[in-house]
Every structure is written in C-alpha cells, then in structure tokens.
C-alpha cells in the first residue's frame, strides 16, 4: 500500500484490495476519521480538521487486512434474464444465451465501490468469458433495476439513467431508496448473488 496526502484533511491510500482496506479502516473506529471512500484501486480517508496526518498515515499504511470483507453482508438478487443485449453478449462471447445466463448467475460478486449515480455498485467477480466492452452508442435511458455488465464489472442500475452497459436482465429489487437507512442496499464489501427466475424483491441477509 502507498499512502498519499490529499489536502490538509485526507489521505489517499493506493491498494489492490480497496474493499478489504475499507472494512479494516472502518473497524478501527477512530474518532478523527470522518469518512472512508473506496475506489477502484484506492481508499480515501477524510479526517476531522486539525488531525495530524503523519501518525495516522503510518497506522493505516501498516494496517493488516482481513482475508475477506463481509461488512456489507450478502444480497440475493432475483433476475429475469430478458435483457436487450443478451443476444449480442452471446454473440460477442461465443456462448449461447443459456450459457451467458448460467455463467452470470453462477459467479460470486463483491461490491468494490459505488459511483456514477447514487447506489450504483461496481461488482467484481464477473466470469472472464463475459468481459465485453460497453456499447458503442449509450442508451439515453436505462430502466431502474436493469442488470448489466461492462468490461470486468457487473452492476444493477439503481435508478433510470443514461448508460452504455450491456443489459442482461432486470430485477424489481429497489437498490436505492432515499427514505431508507441506509438508502443504498449495496455497500462496499457487499456480496451479491444473482438468481435466475422471477424478479420479485428479495431480502438482504446480514
């Protein structure tokens, strides 16, 4: 890991395991740490004004990481696999539609970080045979609940928005609800399993 200053009240830590580091920093319970935000290969730690970043940086730079992160629990996502790009993904990968569905549902995913829009989780763990590029022409509107893939990531659109990811299916599970606490069902470290079948809402397991 490499620890860098990010202004007067934050540290940016470069790491190959951002969600595991995120869980380890959260577990410290340090009062001077205001927020911990994981990215694709970094974790941003913001602190209270006046915090001495030197000692904190040394602490975080040598922090042992858990083997796995279960901070976000597990979420089962029922999916109807009837996405508009399912046939094209099958063509790009040389698989049948059934094989695309089977491989997508068989994988074990972990939320690496949130971004793009509120509650939009970037899921690692996608089967390598399903690594396909984004669409050349993004859609102006992708419905909420769309289950999609792009590059090495999987995702579920938490709300209707433009997007260029390949759509495999849909779920009725509401990923983002501003009246819920927390509003997002997905958090860094959340384990996600997709289940082919009816798209009825499922319950997250702690």
N, C-alpha and C. Protein backbone atom coordinates (compact mmCIF):
# COMPACT_ATOMS: atom_id res chain seq x y z
N UNK A 1 0.84 -1.19 0.00
CA UNK A 1 0.00 0.00 0.00
C UNK A 1 0.88 1.25 0.00
N UNK A 2 0.38 2.31 -0.63
CA UNK A 2 1.08 3.59 -0.61
C UNK A 2 0.11 4.64 -0.11
N UNK A 3 0.55 5.44 0.87
CA UNK A 3 -0.30 6.44 1.50
C UNK A 3 0.14 7.82 1.03
N UNK A 4 -0.81 8.58 0.49
CA UNK A 4 -0.54 9.92 -0.02
C UNK A 4 -1.44 10.93 0.67
N UNK A 5 -0.91 12.13 0.90
CA UNK A 5 -1.77 13.20 1.42
C UNK A 5 -2.69 13.69 0.32
N UNK A 6 -3.92 13.99 0.69
CA UNK A 6 -4.90 14.54 -0.24
C UNK A 6 -5.48 15.81 0.40
N UNK A 7 -4.71 16.88 0.35
CA UNK A 7 -5.11 18.11 1.01
C UNK A 7 -4.71 18.10 2.47
N UNK A 8 -5.34 18.97 3.25
CA UNK A 8 -4.98 19.14 4.66
C UNK A 8 -5.72 18.19 5.60
N UNK A 9 -6.74 17.48 5.09
CA UNK A 9 -7.55 16.67 6.00
C UNK A 9 -7.94 15.34 5.41
N UNK A 10 -7.10 14.78 4.54
CA UNK A 10 -7.44 13.50 3.94
C UNK A 10 -6.19 12.75 3.51
N UNK A 11 -6.32 11.43 3.45
CA UNK A 11 -5.25 10.55 2.98
C UNK A 11 -5.81 9.68 1.87
N UNK A 12 -5.04 9.53 0.79
CA UNK A 12 -5.41 8.64 -0.30
C UNK A 12 -4.48 7.45 -0.27
N UNK A 13 -5.05 6.25 -0.11
CA UNK A 13 -4.25 5.04 0.02
C UNK A 13 -4.43 4.19 -1.22
N UNK A 14 -3.33 3.93 -1.91
CA UNK A 14 -3.36 3.06 -3.08
C UNK A 14 -3.23 1.61 -2.62
N UNK A 15 -4.13 0.76 -3.08
CA UNK A 15 -4.15 -0.63 -2.63
C UNK A 15 -4.78 -1.52 -3.69
N UNK A 16 -4.42 -2.79 -3.69
CA UNK A 16 -5.02 -3.76 -4.59
C UNK A 16 -6.29 -4.37 -4.01
N UNK A 17 -6.58 -4.06 -2.75
CA UNK A 17 -7.77 -4.62 -2.09
C UNK A 17 -8.56 -3.50 -1.40
N UNK A 18 -9.15 -2.59 -2.19
CA UNK A 18 -9.81 -1.43 -1.59
C UNK A 18 -10.96 -1.77 -0.65
N UNK A 19 -11.79 -2.78 -0.99
CA UNK A 19 -12.92 -3.06 -0.11
C UNK A 19 -12.47 -3.70 1.20
N UNK A 20 -11.37 -4.46 1.16
CA UNK A 20 -10.84 -5.04 2.40
C UNK A 20 -10.21 -3.96 3.27
N UNK A 21 -9.49 -3.02 2.65
CA UNK A 21 -8.92 -1.92 3.41
C UNK A 21 -10.02 -1.03 3.97
N UNK A 22 -11.06 -0.80 3.18
CA UNK A 22 -12.21 -0.02 3.64
C UNK A 22 -12.78 -0.62 4.91
N UNK A 23 -12.96 -1.95 4.93
CA UNK A 23 -13.51 -2.62 6.11
C UNK A 23 -12.57 -2.50 7.30
N UNK A 24 -11.25 -2.62 7.05
CA UNK A 24 -10.27 -2.55 8.13
C UNK A 24 -10.22 -1.15 8.75
N UNK A 25 -10.29 -0.12 7.91
CA UNK A 25 -10.25 1.25 8.43
C UNK A 25 -11.53 1.55 9.22
N UNK A 26 -12.66 1.12 8.69
CA UNK A 26 -13.93 1.32 9.41
C UNK A 26 -13.90 0.65 10.78
N UNK A 27 -13.29 -0.54 10.82
CA UNK A 27 -13.27 -1.31 12.07
C UNK A 27 -12.43 -0.64 13.15
N UNK A 28 -11.54 0.26 12.76
CA UNK A 28 -10.71 0.94 13.76
C UNK A 28 -11.56 1.80 14.70
N UNK A 29 -12.62 2.39 14.17
CA UNK A 29 -13.48 3.23 14.99
C UNK A 29 -12.80 4.50 15.49
N UNK A 30 -11.86 5.02 14.73
CA UNK A 30 -11.12 6.21 15.17
C UNK A 30 -12.01 7.44 15.04
N UNK A 31 -12.08 8.23 16.10
CA UNK A 31 -12.97 9.39 16.11
C UNK A 31 -12.52 10.46 15.14
N UNK A 32 -11.22 10.51 14.81
CA UNK A 32 -10.75 11.56 13.90
C UNK A 32 -11.04 11.23 12.44
N UNK A 33 -11.45 9.98 12.15
CA UNK A 33 -11.78 9.60 10.78
C UNK A 33 -13.25 9.92 10.52
N UNK A 34 -13.48 10.81 9.57
CA UNK A 34 -14.83 11.28 9.27
C UNK A 34 -15.52 10.38 8.25
N UNK A 35 -14.78 9.96 7.21
CA UNK A 35 -15.39 9.12 6.17
C UNK A 35 -14.31 8.28 5.50
N UNK A 36 -14.74 7.15 4.94
CA UNK A 36 -13.84 6.24 4.23
C UNK A 36 -14.53 5.88 2.91
N UNK A 37 -13.88 6.24 1.80
CA UNK A 37 -14.50 6.06 0.48
C UNK A 37 -13.60 5.21 -0.41
N UNK A 38 -13.99 3.95 -0.68
CA UNK A 38 -13.17 3.11 -1.56
C UNK A 38 -13.39 3.43 -3.02
N UNK A 39 -12.36 3.24 -3.83
CA UNK A 39 -12.44 3.39 -5.28
C UNK A 39 -11.98 2.12 -5.94
N UNK A 40 -11.64 2.20 -7.24
CA UNK A 40 -11.22 1.02 -7.97
C UNK A 40 -9.91 0.45 -7.44
N UNK A 41 -8.97 1.33 -7.08
CA UNK A 41 -7.69 0.88 -6.54
C UNK A 41 -7.18 1.78 -5.44
N UNK A 42 -8.08 2.52 -4.83
CA UNK A 42 -7.70 3.46 -3.77
C UNK A 42 -8.76 3.49 -2.67
N UNK A 43 -8.38 4.02 -1.53
CA UNK A 43 -9.32 4.32 -0.46
C UNK A 43 -9.01 5.73 0.03
N UNK A 44 -10.01 6.60 0.02
CA UNK A 44 -9.85 7.96 0.50
C UNK A 44 -10.35 8.04 1.94
N UNK A 45 -9.48 8.47 2.84
CA UNK A 45 -9.82 8.61 4.25
C UNK A 45 -9.84 10.09 4.59
N UNK A 46 -11.02 10.62 4.87
CA UNK A 46 -11.12 12.03 5.27
C UNK A 46 -11.17 12.12 6.79
N UNK A 47 -10.58 13.19 7.32
CA UNK A 47 -10.43 13.33 8.77
C UNK A 47 -10.99 14.65 9.26
N UNK A 48 -11.14 14.74 10.56
CA UNK A 48 -11.59 15.98 11.18
C UNK A 48 -10.51 17.04 11.02
N UNK A 49 -10.89 18.31 10.88
CA UNK A 49 -9.90 19.38 10.77
C UNK A 49 -8.93 19.37 11.95
N UNK A 50 -7.66 19.57 11.65
CA UNK A 50 -6.65 19.61 12.70
C UNK A 50 -6.01 18.26 12.99
N UNK A 51 -6.46 17.19 12.33
CA UNK A 51 -5.88 15.86 12.57
C UNK A 51 -4.44 15.82 12.07
N UNK A 52 -3.55 15.26 12.85
CA UNK A 52 -2.16 15.07 12.44
C UNK A 52 -2.11 13.87 11.49
N UNK A 53 -1.92 14.14 10.22
CA UNK A 53 -1.99 13.07 9.22
C UNK A 53 -0.77 12.16 9.22
N UNK A 54 0.35 12.63 9.77
CA UNK A 54 1.56 11.82 9.77
C UNK A 54 1.39 10.50 10.52
N UNK A 55 1.08 10.53 11.82
CA UNK A 55 0.89 9.29 12.56
C UNK A 55 -0.26 8.43 12.02
N UNK A 56 -1.33 9.08 11.59
CA UNK A 56 -2.46 8.32 11.06
C UNK A 56 -2.07 7.60 9.77
N UNK A 57 -1.30 8.29 8.92
CA UNK A 57 -0.85 7.67 7.68
C UNK A 57 0.02 6.45 7.94
N UNK A 58 0.90 6.52 8.94
CA UNK A 58 1.74 5.37 9.28
C UNK A 58 0.89 4.21 9.79
N UNK A 59 -0.12 4.54 10.59
CA UNK A 59 -1.00 3.49 11.10
C UNK A 59 -1.74 2.79 9.97
N UNK A 60 -2.32 3.58 9.08
CA UNK A 60 -3.12 3.00 8.00
C UNK A 60 -2.25 2.27 6.98
N UNK A 61 -1.03 2.75 6.77
CA UNK A 61 -0.15 2.12 5.82
C UNK A 61 0.31 0.74 6.24
N UNK A 62 0.28 0.46 7.54
CA UNK A 62 0.69 -0.84 8.03
C UNK A 62 -0.46 -1.66 8.56
N UNK A 63 -1.67 -1.26 8.22
CA UNK A 63 -2.86 -1.92 8.75
C UNK A 63 -3.03 -3.31 8.14
N UNK A 64 -3.14 -4.35 8.97
CA UNK A 64 -3.40 -5.69 8.42
C UNK A 64 -4.81 -5.76 7.85
N UNK A 65 -4.95 -6.43 6.73
CA UNK A 65 -6.25 -6.52 6.07
C UNK A 65 -6.91 -7.85 6.36
N UNK A 66 -8.22 -7.85 6.54
CA UNK A 66 -8.93 -9.13 6.70
C UNK A 66 -8.85 -9.92 5.41
N UNK A 67 -8.93 -11.24 5.49
CA UNK A 67 -8.87 -12.08 4.29
C UNK A 67 -10.04 -11.79 3.36
N UNK A 68 -11.18 -11.53 3.94
CA UNK A 68 -12.35 -11.17 3.17
C UNK A 68 -13.07 -10.05 3.89
N UNK A 69 -13.93 -9.35 3.16
CA UNK A 69 -14.73 -8.31 3.77
C UNK A 69 -16.19 -8.69 3.71
N UNK A 70 -16.83 -8.79 4.88
CA UNK A 70 -18.26 -9.11 4.93
C UNK A 70 -19.04 -7.95 5.54
N UNK A 71 -18.41 -6.75 5.49
CA UNK A 71 -19.02 -5.59 6.13
C UNK A 71 -20.39 -5.27 5.55
N UNK A 72 -20.58 -5.53 4.25
CA UNK A 72 -21.83 -5.18 3.62
C UNK A 72 -22.85 -6.28 3.62
N UNK A 73 -22.54 -7.45 4.21
CA UNK A 73 -23.47 -8.56 4.21
C UNK A 73 -23.62 -9.18 2.83
N UNK A 74 -24.71 -9.89 2.61
CA UNK A 74 -24.97 -10.56 1.33
C UNK A 74 -26.33 -10.16 0.82
N UNK A 75 -26.42 -9.97 -0.48
CA UNK A 75 -27.68 -9.59 -1.12
C UNK A 75 -27.99 -10.57 -2.24
N UNK A 76 -29.15 -11.20 -2.18
CA UNK A 76 -29.62 -12.09 -3.24
C UNK A 76 -30.50 -11.29 -4.19
N UNK A 77 -30.20 -11.36 -5.46
CA UNK A 77 -30.92 -10.55 -6.45
C UNK A 77 -31.60 -11.47 -7.47
N UNK A 78 -32.93 -11.63 -7.38
CA UNK A 78 -33.65 -12.43 -8.39
C UNK A 78 -33.73 -11.66 -9.70
N UNK A 79 -33.48 -12.35 -10.80
CA UNK A 79 -33.38 -11.69 -12.11
C UNK A 79 -34.21 -12.42 -13.15
N UNK A 80 -34.92 -11.66 -13.97
CA UNK A 80 -35.49 -12.18 -15.21
C UNK A 80 -34.48 -11.85 -16.31
N UNK A 81 -33.90 -12.88 -16.91
CA UNK A 81 -32.87 -12.68 -17.92
C UNK A 81 -33.51 -12.52 -19.31
N UNK A 82 -33.96 -11.31 -19.58
CA UNK A 82 -34.56 -11.00 -20.88
C UNK A 82 -34.02 -9.67 -21.41
N UNK A 83 -32.77 -9.34 -21.06
CA UNK A 83 -32.19 -8.06 -21.40
C UNK A 83 -32.02 -7.84 -22.90
N UNK A 84 -32.03 -6.57 -23.29
CA UNK A 84 -31.95 -6.20 -24.70
C UNK A 84 -30.62 -6.58 -25.33
N UNK A 85 -29.58 -6.76 -24.53
CA UNK A 85 -28.25 -7.05 -25.08
C UNK A 85 -27.83 -8.51 -24.88
N UNK A 86 -28.73 -9.33 -24.38
CA UNK A 86 -28.37 -10.72 -24.07
C UNK A 86 -27.89 -11.47 -25.32
N UNK A 87 -28.61 -11.30 -26.43
CA UNK A 87 -28.23 -11.97 -27.67
C UNK A 87 -26.88 -11.48 -28.17
N UNK A 88 -26.64 -10.18 -28.07
CA UNK A 88 -25.37 -9.62 -28.54
C UNK A 88 -24.21 -10.08 -27.67
N UNK A 89 -24.42 -10.17 -26.36
CA UNK A 89 -23.37 -10.67 -25.47
C UNK A 89 -23.04 -12.12 -25.82
N UNK A 90 -24.06 -12.90 -26.11
CA UNK A 90 -23.83 -14.29 -26.51
C UNK A 90 -22.98 -14.34 -27.78
N UNK A 91 -23.28 -13.46 -28.74
CA UNK A 91 -22.53 -13.43 -29.98
C UNK A 91 -21.08 -12.99 -29.75
N UNK A 92 -20.88 -11.99 -28.92
CA UNK A 92 -19.54 -11.47 -28.66
C UNK A 92 -18.66 -12.49 -27.93
N UNK A 93 -19.27 -13.30 -27.09
CA UNK A 93 -18.50 -14.24 -26.27
C UNK A 93 -18.41 -15.63 -26.88
N UNK A 94 -19.21 -15.91 -27.90
CA UNK A 94 -19.23 -17.24 -28.49
C UNK A 94 -20.00 -18.24 -27.65
N UNK A 95 -20.81 -17.73 -26.73
CA UNK A 95 -21.62 -18.59 -25.87
C UNK A 95 -23.07 -18.56 -26.34
N UNK A 96 -23.86 -19.51 -25.87
CA UNK A 96 -25.29 -19.45 -26.10
C UNK A 96 -25.93 -18.53 -25.06
N UNK A 97 -27.17 -18.14 -25.31
CA UNK A 97 -27.87 -17.31 -24.32
C UNK A 97 -27.92 -18.02 -22.97
N UNK A 98 -28.22 -19.32 -23.00
CA UNK A 98 -28.32 -20.09 -21.76
C UNK A 98 -26.99 -20.11 -21.02
N UNK A 99 -25.88 -20.21 -21.76
CA UNK A 99 -24.56 -20.24 -21.13
C UNK A 99 -24.21 -18.87 -20.53
N UNK A 100 -24.59 -17.80 -21.20
CA UNK A 100 -24.37 -16.46 -20.64
C UNK A 100 -25.10 -16.32 -19.31
N UNK A 101 -26.35 -16.73 -19.30
CA UNK A 101 -27.16 -16.64 -18.08
C UNK A 101 -26.55 -17.50 -16.99
N UNK A 102 -26.17 -18.72 -17.35
CA UNK A 102 -25.61 -19.64 -16.36
C UNK A 102 -24.33 -19.09 -15.75
N UNK A 103 -23.44 -18.57 -16.58
CA UNK A 103 -22.17 -18.04 -16.07
C UNK A 103 -22.39 -16.79 -15.23
N UNK A 104 -23.32 -15.92 -15.66
CA UNK A 104 -23.57 -14.70 -14.89
C UNK A 104 -24.15 -15.03 -13.52
N UNK A 105 -25.08 -15.96 -13.47
CA UNK A 105 -25.74 -16.29 -12.20
C UNK A 105 -24.85 -17.13 -11.29
N UNK A 106 -23.87 -17.82 -11.85
CA UNK A 106 -23.02 -18.70 -11.04
C UNK A 106 -21.91 -17.95 -10.31
N UNK A 107 -21.57 -16.76 -10.78
CA UNK A 107 -20.45 -16.02 -10.20
C UNK A 107 -20.79 -15.46 -8.82
N UNK A 108 -19.77 -15.27 -8.01
CA UNK A 108 -19.90 -14.64 -6.70
C UNK A 108 -19.31 -13.24 -6.80
N UNK A 109 -20.14 -12.25 -6.56
CA UNK A 109 -19.74 -10.85 -6.76
C UNK A 109 -19.50 -10.15 -5.42
N UNK A 110 -18.66 -9.12 -5.46
CA UNK A 110 -18.43 -8.26 -4.32
C UNK A 110 -18.47 -6.81 -4.81
N UNK A 111 -19.14 -5.94 -4.07
CA UNK A 111 -19.17 -4.52 -4.42
C UNK A 111 -17.80 -3.92 -4.12
N UNK A 112 -17.11 -3.49 -5.17
CA UNK A 112 -15.79 -2.89 -4.98
C UNK A 112 -15.93 -1.45 -4.52
N UNK A 113 -16.84 -0.72 -5.13
CA UNK A 113 -17.05 0.68 -4.76
C UNK A 113 -18.34 1.17 -5.40
N UNK A 114 -18.82 2.33 -4.95
CA UNK A 114 -20.01 2.95 -5.50
C UNK A 114 -19.60 4.16 -6.33
N UNK A 115 -20.35 4.43 -7.40
CA UNK A 115 -20.03 5.57 -8.23
C UNK A 115 -21.07 5.75 -9.32
N UNK A 116 -20.84 6.71 -10.21
CA UNK A 116 -21.68 7.01 -11.36
C UNK A 116 -23.00 7.67 -10.95
N UNK A 117 -23.77 6.99 -10.08
CA UNK A 117 -25.02 7.54 -9.58
C UNK A 117 -25.27 6.95 -8.20
N UNK A 118 -26.13 7.58 -7.38
CA UNK A 118 -26.37 7.07 -6.02
C UNK A 118 -26.80 5.61 -6.02
N UNK A 119 -26.05 4.78 -5.26
CA UNK A 119 -26.40 3.37 -5.14
C UNK A 119 -25.90 2.48 -6.25
N UNK A 120 -25.14 3.03 -7.21
CA UNK A 120 -24.63 2.24 -8.33
C UNK A 120 -23.34 1.56 -7.89
N UNK A 121 -23.40 0.24 -7.70
CA UNK A 121 -22.25 -0.50 -7.23
C UNK A 121 -21.51 -1.19 -8.36
N UNK A 122 -20.19 -1.07 -8.36
CA UNK A 122 -19.35 -1.78 -9.33
C UNK A 122 -19.01 -3.14 -8.74
N UNK A 123 -19.49 -4.20 -9.36
CA UNK A 123 -19.37 -5.55 -8.83
C UNK A 123 -18.19 -6.28 -9.47
N UNK A 124 -17.26 -6.74 -8.64
CA UNK A 124 -16.18 -7.58 -9.15
C UNK A 124 -16.59 -9.05 -9.04
N UNK A 125 -15.91 -9.90 -9.80
CA UNK A 125 -16.21 -11.33 -9.76
C UNK A 125 -16.86 -11.85 -11.03
N UNK A 126 -17.08 -10.97 -12.01
CA UNK A 126 -17.71 -11.39 -13.26
C UNK A 126 -16.84 -12.42 -13.98
N UNK A 127 -17.47 -13.49 -14.46
CA UNK A 127 -16.78 -14.53 -15.22
C UNK A 127 -16.00 -13.89 -16.38
N UNK A 128 -14.75 -14.28 -16.55
CA UNK A 128 -13.91 -13.67 -17.58
C UNK A 128 -14.48 -13.85 -18.98
N UNK A 129 -15.21 -14.92 -19.23
CA UNK A 129 -15.81 -15.12 -20.55
C UNK A 129 -16.88 -14.08 -20.86
N UNK A 130 -17.36 -13.38 -19.83
CA UNK A 130 -18.40 -12.37 -20.02
C UNK A 130 -17.85 -10.95 -20.05
N UNK A 131 -16.53 -10.80 -20.11
CA UNK A 131 -15.94 -9.47 -20.19
C UNK A 131 -16.12 -8.92 -21.61
N UNK A 132 -17.09 -8.06 -21.77
CA UNK A 132 -17.38 -7.46 -23.08
C UNK A 132 -17.34 -5.94 -22.95
N UNK A 133 -17.03 -5.24 -24.04
CA UNK A 133 -16.96 -3.77 -23.96
C UNK A 133 -18.33 -3.15 -23.83
N UNK A 134 -18.34 -1.89 -23.40
CA UNK A 134 -19.59 -1.13 -23.36
C UNK A 134 -20.13 -0.96 -24.77
N UNK A 135 -21.38 -0.61 -24.87
CA UNK A 135 -21.99 -0.33 -26.17
C UNK A 135 -21.31 0.87 -26.84
N UNK A 136 -21.21 0.82 -28.16
CA UNK A 136 -20.63 1.96 -28.90
C UNK A 136 -21.49 3.20 -28.74
N UNK A 137 -22.80 2.99 -28.65
CA UNK A 137 -23.73 4.11 -28.51
C UNK A 137 -24.55 3.92 -27.24
N UNK A 138 -24.28 4.69 -26.17
CA UNK A 138 -25.03 4.53 -24.92
C UNK A 138 -26.51 4.83 -25.10
N UNK A 139 -27.34 4.18 -24.31
CA UNK A 139 -28.77 4.48 -24.31
C UNK A 139 -29.02 5.77 -23.54
N UNK A 140 -30.03 6.52 -23.97
CA UNK A 140 -30.36 7.76 -23.27
C UNK A 140 -31.07 7.48 -21.95
N UNK A 141 -31.69 6.31 -21.82
CA UNK A 141 -32.36 5.96 -20.58
C UNK A 141 -32.34 4.45 -20.38
N UNK A 142 -31.77 4.01 -19.26
CA UNK A 142 -31.77 2.60 -18.87
C UNK A 142 -32.71 2.46 -17.67
N UNK A 143 -33.68 1.57 -17.72
CA UNK A 143 -34.64 1.46 -16.61
C UNK A 143 -33.98 1.05 -15.29
N UNK A 144 -34.53 1.54 -14.20
CA UNK A 144 -34.08 1.11 -12.87
C UNK A 144 -34.28 -0.39 -12.74
N UNK A 145 -33.31 -1.06 -12.10
CA UNK A 145 -33.40 -2.49 -11.91
C UNK A 145 -32.74 -3.29 -13.02
N UNK A 146 -32.20 -2.61 -14.04
CA UNK A 146 -31.54 -3.31 -15.13
C UNK A 146 -30.25 -3.95 -14.63
N UNK A 147 -30.08 -5.22 -14.94
CA UNK A 147 -28.87 -5.97 -14.57
C UNK A 147 -27.94 -5.94 -15.78
N UNK A 148 -26.70 -5.46 -15.58
CA UNK A 148 -25.84 -5.18 -16.72
C UNK A 148 -24.40 -5.58 -16.46
N UNK A 149 -23.63 -5.64 -17.55
CA UNK A 149 -22.19 -5.92 -17.47
C UNK A 149 -21.45 -4.99 -18.42
N UNK A 150 -20.18 -4.72 -18.10
CA UNK A 150 -19.31 -3.94 -18.98
C UNK A 150 -17.88 -4.15 -18.52
N UNK A 151 -17.00 -4.57 -19.44
CA UNK A 151 -15.63 -4.84 -19.04
C UNK A 151 -15.60 -5.93 -17.98
N UNK A 152 -14.84 -5.73 -16.90
CA UNK A 152 -14.75 -6.76 -15.86
C UNK A 152 -15.81 -6.64 -14.78
N UNK A 153 -16.76 -5.70 -14.94
CA UNK A 153 -17.70 -5.41 -13.86
C UNK A 153 -19.14 -5.83 -14.19
N UNK A 154 -19.88 -6.12 -13.12
CA UNK A 154 -21.31 -6.27 -13.20
C UNK A 154 -21.95 -5.12 -12.45
N UNK A 155 -23.24 -4.89 -12.68
CA UNK A 155 -23.93 -3.79 -12.00
C UNK A 155 -25.44 -3.97 -12.09
N UNK A 156 -26.13 -3.21 -11.25
CA UNK A 156 -27.59 -3.09 -11.31
C UNK A 156 -27.90 -1.60 -11.28
N UNK A 157 -28.61 -1.12 -12.27
CA UNK A 157 -28.95 0.31 -12.30
C UNK A 157 -29.95 0.61 -11.18
N UNK A 158 -29.57 1.45 -10.21
CA UNK A 158 -30.47 1.73 -9.08
C UNK A 158 -31.59 2.70 -9.42
N UNK A 159 -31.41 3.44 -10.51
CA UNK A 159 -32.43 4.38 -10.95
C UNK A 159 -32.33 4.54 -12.46
N UNK A 160 -33.36 5.08 -13.07
CA UNK A 160 -33.32 5.28 -14.51
C UNK A 160 -32.28 6.35 -14.85
N UNK A 161 -31.41 6.05 -15.82
CA UNK A 161 -30.35 6.98 -16.19
C UNK A 161 -29.78 6.58 -17.53
N UNK A 162 -29.04 7.48 -18.19
CA UNK A 162 -28.33 7.08 -19.39
C UNK A 162 -27.29 6.02 -19.04
N UNK A 163 -26.91 5.21 -20.03
CA UNK A 163 -25.91 4.19 -19.73
C UNK A 163 -25.53 3.38 -20.96
N UNK A 164 -24.28 2.92 -20.97
CA UNK A 164 -23.80 2.16 -22.09
C UNK A 164 -23.44 0.73 -21.77
N UNK A 165 -23.83 0.26 -20.57
CA UNK A 165 -23.53 -1.13 -20.20
C UNK A 165 -24.46 -2.08 -20.94
N UNK A 166 -24.04 -3.33 -21.08
CA UNK A 166 -24.83 -4.35 -21.78
C UNK A 166 -25.89 -4.92 -20.83
N UNK A 167 -27.14 -4.86 -21.24
CA UNK A 167 -28.25 -5.28 -20.38
C UNK A 167 -28.55 -6.77 -20.56
N UNK A 168 -28.47 -7.50 -19.43
CA UNK A 168 -28.75 -8.94 -19.45
C UNK A 168 -30.14 -9.27 -18.92
N UNK A 169 -30.67 -8.44 -18.03
CA UNK A 169 -31.95 -8.76 -17.44
C UNK A 169 -32.44 -7.64 -16.55
N UNK A 170 -33.37 -7.99 -15.63
CA UNK A 170 -33.98 -6.97 -14.77
C UNK A 170 -34.40 -7.59 -13.45
N UNK A 171 -34.47 -6.76 -12.44
CA UNK A 171 -34.97 -7.16 -11.12
C UNK A 171 -35.90 -6.07 -10.59
N UNK A 172 -36.84 -6.47 -9.74
CA UNK A 172 -37.72 -5.48 -9.11
C UNK A 172 -37.14 -4.99 -7.78
N UNK A 173 -36.00 -5.54 -7.40
CA UNK A 173 -35.37 -5.13 -6.14
C UNK A 173 -35.02 -3.65 -6.20
N UNK A 174 -35.41 -2.90 -5.19
CA UNK A 174 -35.16 -1.46 -5.18
C UNK A 174 -33.81 -1.19 -4.52
N UNK A 175 -32.82 -0.89 -5.34
CA UNK A 175 -31.46 -0.71 -4.84
C UNK A 175 -31.27 0.61 -4.10
N UNK A 176 -32.01 1.65 -4.51
CA UNK A 176 -31.82 2.97 -3.92
C UNK A 176 -33.17 3.52 -3.47
N UNK A 177 -33.25 3.90 -2.19
CA UNK A 177 -34.47 4.48 -1.62
C UNK A 177 -34.05 5.55 -0.62
N UNK A 178 -34.21 6.84 -0.97
CA UNK A 178 -33.77 7.92 -0.07
C UNK A 178 -34.48 7.93 1.27
N UNK A 179 -35.62 7.23 1.37
CA UNK A 179 -36.35 7.18 2.64
C UNK A 179 -35.90 6.01 3.52
N UNK A 180 -34.96 5.21 3.02
CA UNK A 180 -34.46 4.06 3.76
C UNK A 180 -33.10 4.41 4.38
N UNK A 181 -32.75 3.74 5.46
CA UNK A 181 -31.46 3.98 6.11
C UNK A 181 -30.69 2.67 6.24
N UNK A 182 -29.56 2.52 5.54
CA UNK A 182 -29.03 3.48 4.56
C UNK A 182 -29.83 3.41 3.25
N UNK A 183 -29.79 4.46 2.45
CA UNK A 183 -30.58 4.48 1.21
C UNK A 183 -30.19 3.39 0.21
N UNK A 184 -28.91 3.00 0.18
CA UNK A 184 -28.42 2.03 -0.79
C UNK A 184 -28.34 0.64 -0.18
N UNK A 185 -28.88 -0.36 -0.88
CA UNK A 185 -28.73 -1.74 -0.43
C UNK A 185 -27.30 -2.22 -0.63
N UNK A 186 -26.60 -1.63 -1.58
CA UNK A 186 -25.23 -2.02 -1.86
C UNK A 186 -24.26 -1.12 -1.11
N UNK A 187 -23.29 -1.72 -0.47
CA UNK A 187 -22.22 -1.01 0.22
C UNK A 187 -20.90 -1.68 -0.17
N UNK A 188 -19.79 -0.96 -0.11
CA UNK A 188 -18.51 -1.61 -0.39
C UNK A 188 -18.33 -2.86 0.47
N UNK A 189 -18.02 -3.97 -0.18
CA UNK A 189 -17.85 -5.23 0.54
C UNK A 189 -19.08 -6.12 0.52
N UNK A 190 -20.24 -5.58 0.09
CA UNK A 190 -21.44 -6.41 0.00
C UNK A 190 -21.23 -7.54 -1.00
N UNK A 191 -21.57 -8.76 -0.60
CA UNK A 191 -21.54 -9.90 -1.50
C UNK A 191 -22.89 -9.99 -2.22
N UNK A 192 -22.84 -10.24 -3.52
CA UNK A 192 -24.06 -10.26 -4.33
C UNK A 192 -24.15 -11.57 -5.10
N UNK A 193 -25.33 -12.19 -5.04
CA UNK A 193 -25.61 -13.39 -5.83
C UNK A 193 -26.86 -13.15 -6.68
N UNK A 194 -26.77 -13.46 -7.96
CA UNK A 194 -27.91 -13.33 -8.86
C UNK A 194 -28.60 -14.68 -8.99
N UNK A 195 -29.93 -14.65 -8.97
CA UNK A 195 -30.71 -15.88 -9.05
C UNK A 195 -31.68 -15.78 -10.22
N UNK A 196 -31.52 -16.66 -11.20
CA UNK A 196 -32.40 -16.65 -12.36
C UNK A 196 -33.80 -17.08 -11.97
N UNK A 197 -34.80 -16.38 -12.51
CA UNK A 197 -36.18 -16.71 -12.21
C UNK A 197 -37.02 -15.46 -12.12
N UNK A 198 -38.03 -15.49 -11.27
CA UNK A 198 -38.90 -14.33 -11.09
C UNK A 198 -38.12 -13.19 -10.49
N UNK A 199 -38.45 -11.96 -10.88
CA UNK A 199 -37.73 -10.78 -10.41
C UNK A 199 -38.35 -10.17 -9.18
N UNK A 200 -39.06 -10.98 -8.37
CA UNK A 200 -39.65 -10.46 -7.14
C UNK A 200 -38.56 -10.00 -6.20
N UNK A 201 -38.82 -8.97 -5.41
CA UNK A 201 -37.82 -8.41 -4.48
C UNK A 201 -37.40 -9.45 -3.46
N UNK A 202 -36.11 -9.45 -3.18
CA UNK A 202 -35.55 -10.36 -2.16
C UNK A 202 -35.07 -9.55 -0.97
N UNK A 203 -34.81 -10.21 0.10
CA UNK A 203 -34.36 -9.55 1.31
C UNK A 203 -32.86 -9.71 1.49
N UNK A 204 -32.16 -8.62 1.87
CA UNK A 204 -30.74 -8.74 2.15
C UNK A 204 -30.50 -9.54 3.42
N UNK A 205 -29.43 -10.32 3.45
CA UNK A 205 -29.08 -11.09 4.64
C UNK A 205 -27.87 -10.44 5.31
N UNK A 206 -27.87 -10.29 6.65
CA UNK A 206 -26.74 -9.67 7.33
C UNK A 206 -25.52 -10.57 7.26
